[in-house]
Amino acid sequence: KEILIDFQELVSEHSGENIAEVIWGTLQKYSLVGQVMVFMMDNATNNNTMVTAIKQKCKAQGILFSAKDSHLCCMPHIVHLA
């Protein structure tokens, strides 16, 4: 089952750190910190940075989160971009 829990405009630079701040805020808002298993995204560098920033935020709260194992690439999107 899938649901959209949030949709926010990113008014600042689309850096991985800024994206992570928005996502982290949503995770906190809905008490989902520590419950996310994977992020599905394309292979843009800012997405890699975002997952690493989320990992650091989890680590600061004593939550295990593997950036490498939690980043799934959406193959159709990557092929479309190529």
PDB file of N, CA and C in Angstrom:
ATOM      1  N   LYS A   1       0.848  -1.175   0.000  1.00  0.00           N
ATOM      2  CA  LYS A   1       0.000   0.000   0.000  1.00  0.00           C
ATOM      3  C   LYS A   1       0.892   1.236   0.000  1.00  0.00           C
ATOM      4  N   GLU A   2       0.523   2.220  -0.777  1.00  0.00           N
ATOM      5  CA  GLU A   2       1.267   3.467  -0.857  1.00  0.00           C
ATOM      6  C   GLU A   2       0.359   4.646  -0.541  1.00  0.00           C
ATOM      7  N   ILE A   3       0.903   5.611   0.202  1.00  0.00           N
ATOM      8  CA  ILE A   3       0.187   6.864   0.426  1.00  0.00           C
ATOM      9  C   ILE A   3       1.197   8.008   0.362  1.00  0.00           C
ATOM     10  N   LEU A   4       0.750   9.148  -0.066  1.00  0.00           N
ATOM     11  CA  LEU A   4       1.572  10.345  -0.062  1.00  0.00           C
ATOM     12  C   LEU A   4       1.378  11.022   1.284  1.00  0.00           C
ATOM     13  N   ILE A   5       2.448  11.170   2.048  1.00  0.00           N
ATOM     14  CA  ILE A   5       2.308  11.755   3.382  1.00  0.00           C
ATOM     15  C   ILE A   5       2.640  13.243   3.412  1.00  0.00           C
ATOM     16  N   ASP A   6       3.341  13.725   2.398  1.00  0.00           N
ATOM     17  CA  ASP A   6       3.700  15.135   2.392  1.00  0.00           C
ATOM     18  C   ASP A   6       4.139  15.536   0.988  1.00  0.00           C
ATOM     19  N   PHE A   7       3.962  16.782   0.668  1.00  0.00           N
ATOM     20  CA  PHE A   7       4.391  17.324  -0.619  1.00  0.00           C
ATOM     21  C   PHE A   7       4.740  18.778  -0.369  1.00  0.00           C
ATOM     22  N   GLN A   8       6.026  19.086  -0.363  1.00  0.00           N
ATOM     23  CA  GLN A   8       6.459  20.435  -0.028  1.00  0.00           C
ATOM     24  C   GLN A   8       7.287  21.039  -1.153  1.00  0.00           C
ATOM     25  N   GLU A   9       7.128  22.332  -1.341  1.00  0.00           N
ATOM     26  CA  GLU A   9       7.972  23.053  -2.286  1.00  0.00           C
ATOM     27  C   GLU A   9       9.315  23.322  -1.614  1.00  0.00           C
ATOM     28  N   LEU A  10      10.374  23.039  -2.314  1.00  0.00           N
ATOM     29  CA  LEU A  10      11.712  23.326  -1.806  1.00  0.00           C
ATOM     30  C   LEU A  10      12.117  24.685  -2.366  1.00  0.00           C
ATOM     31  N   VAL A  11      12.003  25.714  -1.540  1.00  0.00           N
ATOM     32  CA  VAL A  11      12.241  27.076  -2.015  1.00  0.00           C
ATOM     33  C   VAL A  11      13.723  27.436  -2.018  1.00  0.00           C
ATOM     34  N   SER A  12      14.531  26.677  -1.323  1.00  0.00           N
ATOM     35  CA  SER A  12      15.971  26.928  -1.301  1.00  0.00           C
ATOM     36  C   SER A  12      16.657  26.067  -2.367  1.00  0.00           C
ATOM     37  N   GLU A  13      17.972  26.127  -2.398  1.00  0.00           N
ATOM     38  CA  GLU A  13      18.759  25.327  -3.336  1.00  0.00           C
ATOM     39  C   GLU A  13      18.408  23.843  -3.178  1.00  0.00           C
ATOM     40  N   HIS A  14      18.373  23.121  -4.265  1.00  0.00           N
ATOM     41  CA  HIS A  14      18.028  21.698  -4.225  1.00  0.00           C
ATOM     42  C   HIS A  14      19.244  20.844  -3.884  1.00  0.00           C
ATOM     43  N   SER A  15      19.940  21.221  -2.839  1.00  0.00           N
ATOM     44  CA  SER A  15      21.103  20.455  -2.385  1.00  0.00           C
ATOM     45  C   SER A  15      20.625  19.264  -1.560  1.00  0.00           C
ATOM     46  N   GLY A  16      21.475  18.279  -1.437  1.00  0.00           N
ATOM     47  CA  GLY A  16      21.130  17.107  -0.638  1.00  0.00           C
ATOM     48  C   GLY A  16      20.829  17.460   0.803  1.00  0.00           C
ATOM     49  N   GLU A  17      21.586  18.415   1.347  1.00  0.00           N
ATOM     50  CA  GLU A  17      21.369  18.829   2.736  1.00  0.00           C
ATOM     51  C   GLU A  17      19.996  19.481   2.913  1.00  0.00           C
ATOM     52  N   ASN A  18      19.616  20.334   1.968  1.00  0.00           N
ATOM     53  CA  ASN A  18      18.305  20.993   2.061  1.00  0.00           C
ATOM     54  C   ASN A  18      17.160  19.999   1.883  1.00  0.00           C
ATOM     55  N   ILE A  19      17.322  19.077   0.958  1.00  0.00           N
ATOM     56  CA  ILE A  19      16.302  18.043   0.762  1.00  0.00           C
ATOM     57  C   ILE A  19      16.174  17.199   2.023  1.00  0.00           C
ATOM     58  N   ALA A  20      17.311  16.855   2.631  1.00  0.00           N
ATOM     59  CA  ALA A  20      17.299  16.054   3.862  1.00  0.00           C
ATOM     60  C   ALA A  20      16.561  16.778   4.981  1.00  0.00           C
ATOM     61  N   GLU A  21      16.746  18.084   5.093  1.00  0.00           N
ATOM     62  CA  GLU A  21      16.056  18.855   6.134  1.00  0.00           C
ATOM     63  C   GLU A  21      14.542  18.767   5.974  1.00  0.00           C
ATOM     64  N   VAL A  22      14.072  18.886   4.739  1.00  0.00           N
ATOM     65  CA  VAL A  22      12.629  18.808   4.481  1.00  0.00           C
ATOM     66  C   VAL A  22      12.112  17.405   4.802  1.00  0.00           C
ATOM     67  N   ILE A  23      12.818  16.390   4.335  1.00  0.00           N
ATOM     68  CA  ILE A  23      12.396  15.005   4.588  1.00  0.00           C
ATOM     69  C   ILE A  23      12.442  14.701   6.076  1.00  0.00           C
ATOM     70  N   TRP A  24      13.498  15.126   6.758  1.00  0.00           N
ATOM     71  CA  TRP A  24      13.627  14.871   8.191  1.00  0.00           C
ATOM     72  C   TRP A  24      12.470  15.519   8.955  1.00  0.00           C
ATOM     73  N   GLY A  25      12.109  16.729   8.563  1.00  0.00           N
ATOM     74  CA  GLY A  25      10.974  17.401   9.197  1.00  0.00           C
ATOM     75  C   GLY A  25       9.682  16.621   9.028  1.00  0.00           C
ATOM     76  N   THR A  26       9.483  16.062   7.847  1.00  0.00           N
ATOM     77  CA  THR A  26       8.288  15.253   7.593  1.00  0.00           C
ATOM     78  C   THR A  26       8.323  13.971   8.421  1.00  0.00           C
ATOM     79  N   LEU A  27       9.479  13.327   8.483  1.00  0.00           N
ATOM     80  CA  LEU A  27       9.602  12.105   9.283  1.00  0.00           C
ATOM     81  C   LEU A  27       9.289  12.388  10.747  1.00  0.00           C
ATOM     82  N   GLN A  28       9.769  13.511  11.252  1.00  0.00           N
ATOM     83  CA  GLN A  28       9.483  13.881  12.636  1.00  0.00           C
ATOM     84  C   GLN A  28       8.004  14.216  12.828  1.00  0.00           C
ATOM     85  N   LYS A  29       7.451  14.958  11.893  1.00  0.00           N
ATOM     86  CA  LYS A  29       6.047  15.382  11.982  1.00  0.00           C
ATOM     87  C   LYS A  29       5.102  14.194  12.114  1.00  0.00           C
ATOM     88  N   TYR A  30       5.396  13.119  11.404  1.00  0.00           N
ATOM     89  CA  TYR A  30       4.519  11.945  11.399  1.00  0.00           C
ATOM     90  C   TYR A  30       5.075  10.781  12.220  1.00  0.00           C
ATOM     91  N   SER A  31       6.042  11.053  13.076  1.00  0.00           N
ATOM     92  CA  SER A  31       6.657  10.035  13.948  1.00  0.00           C
ATOM     93  C   SER A  31       7.164   8.836  13.151  1.00  0.00           C
ATOM     94  N   LEU A  32       7.851   9.119  12.055  1.00  0.00           N
ATOM     95  CA  LEU A  32       8.375   8.059  11.193  1.00  0.00           C
ATOM     96  C   LEU A  32       9.892   7.920  11.271  1.00  0.00           C
ATOM     97  N   VAL A  33      10.535   8.713  12.120  1.00  0.00           N
ATOM     98  CA  VAL A  33      11.986   8.606  12.264  1.00  0.00           C
ATOM     99  C   VAL A  33      12.316   7.197  12.753  1.00  0.00           C
ATOM    100  N   GLY A  34      13.223   6.538  12.071  1.00  0.00           N
ATOM    101  CA  GLY A  34      13.608   5.177  12.433  1.00  0.00           C
ATOM    102  C   GLY A  34      12.744   4.104  11.809  1.00  0.00           C
ATOM    103  N   GLN A  35      11.718   4.490  11.055  1.00  0.00           N
ATOM    104  CA  GLN A  35      10.830   3.501  10.451  1.00  0.00           C
ATOM    105  C   GLN A  35      10.981   3.396   8.939  1.00  0.00           C
ATOM    106  N   VAL A  36      11.714   4.319   8.334  1.00  0.00           N
ATOM    107  CA  VAL A  36      11.910   4.284   6.884  1.00  0.00           C
ATOM    108  C   VAL A  36      12.979   3.256   6.560  1.00  0.00           C
ATOM    109  N   MET A  37      12.683   2.404   5.595  1.00  0.00           N
ATOM    110  CA  MET A  37      13.638   1.366   5.210  1.00  0.00           C
ATOM    111  C   MET A  37      14.427   1.748   3.967  1.00  0.00           C
ATOM    112  N   VAL A  38      13.764   2.337   2.973  1.00  0.00           N
ATOM    113  CA  VAL A  38      14.446   2.683   1.725  1.00  0.00           C
ATOM    114  C   VAL A  38      13.911   3.994   1.157  1.00  0.00           C
ATOM    115  N   PHE A  39      14.737   4.611   0.348  1.00  0.00           N
ATOM    116  CA  PHE A  39      14.343   5.765  -0.446  1.00  0.00           C
ATOM    117  C   PHE A  39      14.460   5.359  -1.908  1.00  0.00           C
ATOM    118  N   MET A  40      13.398   5.534  -2.677  1.00  0.00           N
ATOM    119  CA  MET A  40      13.399   5.250  -4.113  1.00  0.00           C
ATOM    120  C   MET A  40      13.611   6.572  -4.834  1.00  0.00           C
ATOM    121  N   MET A  41      14.671   6.638  -5.647  1.00  0.00           N
ATOM    122  CA  MET A  41      15.017   7.903  -6.297  1.00  0.00           C
ATOM    123  C   MET A  41      15.871   7.655  -7.523  1.00  0.00           C
ATOM    124  N   ASP A  42      16.141   8.723  -8.261  1.00  0.00           N
ATOM    125  CA  ASP A  42      17.070   8.584  -9.378  1.00  0.00           C
ATOM    126  C   ASP A  42      18.500   8.677  -8.827  1.00  0.00           C
ATOM    127  N   ASN A  43      19.466   8.655  -9.713  1.00  0.00           N
ATOM    128  CA  ASN A  43      20.859   8.604  -9.276  1.00  0.00           C
ATOM    129  C   ASN A  43      21.537   9.975  -9.233  1.00  0.00           C
ATOM    130  N   ALA A  44      20.781  11.029  -9.027  1.00  0.00           N
ATOM    131  CA  ALA A  44      21.354  12.372  -8.927  1.00  0.00           C
ATOM    132  C   ALA A  44      22.226  12.482  -7.677  1.00  0.00           C
ATOM    133  N   THR A  45      23.301  13.231  -7.788  1.00  0.00           N
ATOM    134  CA  THR A  45      24.251  13.379  -6.688  1.00  0.00           C
ATOM    135  C   THR A  45      23.595  13.944  -5.435  1.00  0.00           C
ATOM    136  N   ASN A  46      22.664  14.889  -5.601  1.00  0.00           N
ATOM    137  CA  ASN A  46      22.028  15.474  -4.419  1.00  0.00           C
ATOM    138  C   ASN A  46      21.204  14.437  -3.654  1.00  0.00           C
ATOM    139  N   ASN A  47      20.700  13.418  -4.334  1.00  0.00           N
ATOM    140  CA  ASN A  47      19.971  12.352  -3.636  1.00  0.00           C
ATOM    141  C   ASN A  47      20.923  11.502  -2.799  1.00  0.00           C
ATOM    142  N   ASN A  48      22.113  11.236  -3.321  1.00  0.00           N
ATOM    143  CA  ASN A  48      23.115  10.502  -2.538  1.00  0.00           C
ATOM    144  C   ASN A  48      23.478  11.292  -1.286  1.00  0.00           C
ATOM    145  N   THR A  49      23.665  12.593  -1.451  1.00  0.00           N
ATOM    146  CA  THR A  49      23.988  13.464  -0.319  1.00  0.00           C
ATOM    147  C   THR A  49      22.847  13.486   0.687  1.00  0.00           C
ATOM    148  N   MET A  50      21.611  13.506   0.202  1.00  0.00           N
ATOM    149  CA  MET A  50      20.440  13.521   1.083  1.00  0.00           C
ATOM    150  C   MET A  50      20.396  12.269   1.951  1.00  0.00           C
ATOM    151  N   VAL A  51      20.612  11.106   1.339  1.00  0.00           N
ATOM    152  CA  VAL A  51      20.557   9.857   2.102  1.00  0.00           C
ATOM    153  C   VAL A  51      21.666   9.833   3.152  1.00  0.00           C
ATOM    154  N   THR A  52      22.840  10.322   2.804  1.00  0.00           N
ATOM    155  CA  THR A  52      23.942  10.387   3.766  1.00  0.00           C
ATOM    156  C   THR A  52      23.600  11.333   4.915  1.00  0.00           C
ATOM    157  N   ALA A  53      22.971  12.461   4.616  1.00  0.00           N
ATOM    158  CA  ALA A  53      22.563  13.401   5.664  1.00  0.00           C
ATOM    159  C   ALA A  53      21.507  12.784   6.582  1.00  0.00           C
ATOM    160  N   ILE A  54      20.577  12.035   6.017  1.00  0.00           N
ATOM    161  CA  ILE A  54      19.566  11.340   6.831  1.00  0.00           C
ATOM    162  C   ILE A  54      20.255  10.319   7.735  1.00  0.00           C
ATOM    163  N   LYS A  55      21.240   9.612   7.197  1.00  0.00           N
ATOM    164  CA  LYS A  55      21.996   8.640   7.997  1.00  0.00           C
ATOM    165  C   LYS A  55      22.649   9.332   9.193  1.00  0.00           C
ATOM    166  N   GLN A  56      23.253  10.491   8.975  1.00  0.00           N
ATOM    167  CA  GLN A  56      23.905  11.224  10.060  1.00  0.00           C
ATOM    168  C   GLN A  56      22.892  11.670  11.111  1.00  0.00           C
ATOM    169  N   LYS A  57      21.723  12.093  10.679  1.00  0.00           N
ATOM    170  CA  LYS A  57      20.679  12.505  11.621  1.00  0.00           C
ATOM    171  C   LYS A  57      20.199  11.307  12.447  1.00  0.00           C
ATOM    172  N   CYS A  58      20.066  10.162  11.793  1.00  0.00           N
ATOM    173  CA  CYS A  58      19.665   8.946  12.508  1.00  0.00           C
ATOM    174  C   CYS A  58      20.735   8.550  13.518  1.00  0.00           C
ATOM    175  N   LYS A  59      21.990   8.583  13.084  1.00  0.00           N
ATOM    176  CA  LYS A  59      23.099   8.212  13.966  1.00  0.00           C
ATOM    177  C   LYS A  59      23.123   9.089  15.212  1.00  0.00           C
ATOM    178  N   ALA A  60      22.852  10.384  15.044  1.00  0.00           N
ATOM    179  CA  ALA A  60      22.835  11.312  16.179  1.00  0.00           C
ATOM    180  C   ALA A  60      21.756  10.951  17.195  1.00  0.00           C
ATOM    181  N   GLN A  61      20.724  10.224  16.746  1.00  0.00           N
ATOM    182  CA  GLN A  61      19.643   9.805  17.642  1.00  0.00           C
ATOM    183  C   GLN A  61      19.753   8.330  18.021  1.00  0.00           C
ATOM    184  N   GLY A  62      20.879   7.705  17.673  1.00  0.00           N
ATOM    185  CA  GLY A  62      21.085   6.306  18.031  1.00  0.00           C
ATOM    186  C   GLY A  62      20.298   5.331  17.178  1.00  0.00           C
ATOM    187  N   ILE A  63      19.928   5.746  15.978  1.00  0.00           N
ATOM    188  CA  ILE A  63      19.145   4.903  15.070  1.00  0.00           C
ATOM    189  C   ILE A  63      20.058   4.382  13.974  1.00  0.00           C
ATOM    190  N   LEU A  64      20.061   3.075  13.757  1.00  0.00           N
ATOM    191  CA  LEU A  64      20.858   2.494  12.686  1.00  0.00           C
ATOM    192  C   LEU A  64      20.159   2.701  11.353  1.00  0.00           C
ATOM    193  N   PHE A  65      20.886   3.260  10.408  1.00  0.00           N
ATOM    194  CA  PHE A  65      20.355   3.498   9.072  1.00  0.00           C
ATOM    195  C   PHE A  65      21.521   3.441   8.104  1.00  0.00           C
ATOM    196  N   SER A  66      21.473   2.524   7.167  1.00  0.00           N
ATOM    197  CA  SER A  66      22.549   2.365   6.195  1.00  0.00           C
ATOM    198  C   SER A  66      22.220   3.139   4.928  1.00  0.00           C
ATOM    199  N   ALA A  67      22.993   4.184   4.657  1.00  0.00           N
ATOM    200  CA  ALA A  67      22.753   4.979   3.447  1.00  0.00           C
ATOM    201  C   ALA A  67      22.929   4.125   2.199  1.00  0.00           C
ATOM    202  N   LYS A  68      23.930   3.265   2.205  1.00  0.00           N
ATOM    203  CA  LYS A  68      24.205   2.421   1.031  1.00  0.00           C
ATOM    204  C   LYS A  68      23.064   1.450   0.765  1.00  0.00           C
ATOM    205  N   ASP A  69      22.567   0.800   1.795  1.00  0.00           N
ATOM    206  CA  ASP A  69      21.524  -0.215   1.639  1.00  0.00           C
ATOM    207  C   ASP A  69      20.118   0.375   1.552  1.00  0.00           C
ATOM    208  N   SER A  70      19.970   1.659   1.808  1.00  0.00           N
ATOM    209  CA  SER A  70      18.645   2.284   1.845  1.00  0.00           C
ATOM    210  C   SER A  70      18.358   3.159   0.640  1.00  0.00           C
ATOM    211  N   HIS A  71      19.207   3.088  -0.356  1.00  0.00           N
ATOM    212  CA  HIS A  71      19.080   3.936  -1.544  1.00  0.00           C
ATOM    213  C   HIS A  71      18.813   3.043  -2.746  1.00  0.00           C
ATOM    214  N   LEU A  72      17.570   3.034  -3.212  1.00  0.00           N
ATOM    215  CA  LEU A  72      17.211   2.251  -4.391  1.00  0.00           C
ATOM    216  C   LEU A  72      16.981   3.187  -5.564  1.00  0.00           C
ATOM    217  N   CYS A  73      17.614   2.867  -6.672  1.00  0.00           N
ATOM    218  CA  CYS A  73      17.458   3.696  -7.870  1.00  0.00           C
ATOM    219  C   CYS A  73      16.255   3.235  -8.682  1.00  0.00           C
ATOM    220  N   CYS A  74      15.530   4.186  -9.202  1.00  0.00           N
ATOM    221  CA  CYS A  74      14.378   3.916 -10.056  1.00  0.00           C
ATOM    222  C   CYS A  74      14.886   3.777 -11.489  1.00  0.00           C
ATOM    223  N   MET A  75      15.035   2.552 -11.958  1.00  0.00           N
ATOM    224  CA  MET A  75      15.632   2.292 -13.265  1.00  0.00           C
ATOM    225  C   MET A  75      14.885   2.970 -14.416  1.00  0.00           C
ATOM    226  N   PRO A  76      13.555   2.906 -14.497  1.00  0.00           N
ATOM    227  CA  PRO A  76      12.878   3.585 -15.611  1.00  0.00           C
ATOM    228  C   PRO A  76      13.181   5.083 -15.661  1.00  0.00           C
ATOM    229  N   HIS A  77      13.281   5.712 -14.505  1.00  0.00           N
ATOM    230  CA  HIS A  77      13.582   7.142 -14.472  1.00  0.00           C
ATOM    231  C   HIS A  77      15.004   7.405 -14.965  1.00  0.00           C
ATOM    232  N   ILE A  78      15.940   6.575 -14.549  1.00  0.00           N
ATOM    233  CA  ILE A  78      17.333   6.733 -14.975  1.00  0.00           C
ATOM    234  C   ILE A  78      17.453   6.542 -16.480  1.00  0.00           C
ATOM    235  N   VAL A  79      16.775   5.535 -17.027  1.00  0.00           N
ATOM    236  CA  VAL A  79      16.806   5.290 -18.471  1.00  0.00           C
ATOM    237  C   VAL A  79      16.194   6.475 -19.213  1.00  0.00           C
ATOM    238  N   HIS A  80      15.112   7.017 -18.680  1.00  0.00           N
ATOM    239  CA  HIS A  80      14.460   8.170 -19.305  1.00  0.00           C
ATOM    240  C   HIS A  80      15.392   9.382 -19.341  1.00  0.00           C
ATOM    241  N   LEU A  81      16.183   9.568 -18.291  1.00  0.00           N
ATOM    242  CA  LEU A  81      17.098  10.700 -18.235  1.00  0.00           C
ATOM    243  C   LEU A  81      18.276  10.543 -19.193  1.00  0.00           C
ATOM    244  N   ALA A  82      18.597   9.304 -19.542  1.00  0.00           N
ATOM    245  CA  ALA A  82      19.796   9.045 -20.370  1.00  0.00           C
ATOM    246  C   ALA A  82      19.652   9.486 -21.789  1.00  0.00           C
TER     247      ALA A  82
END
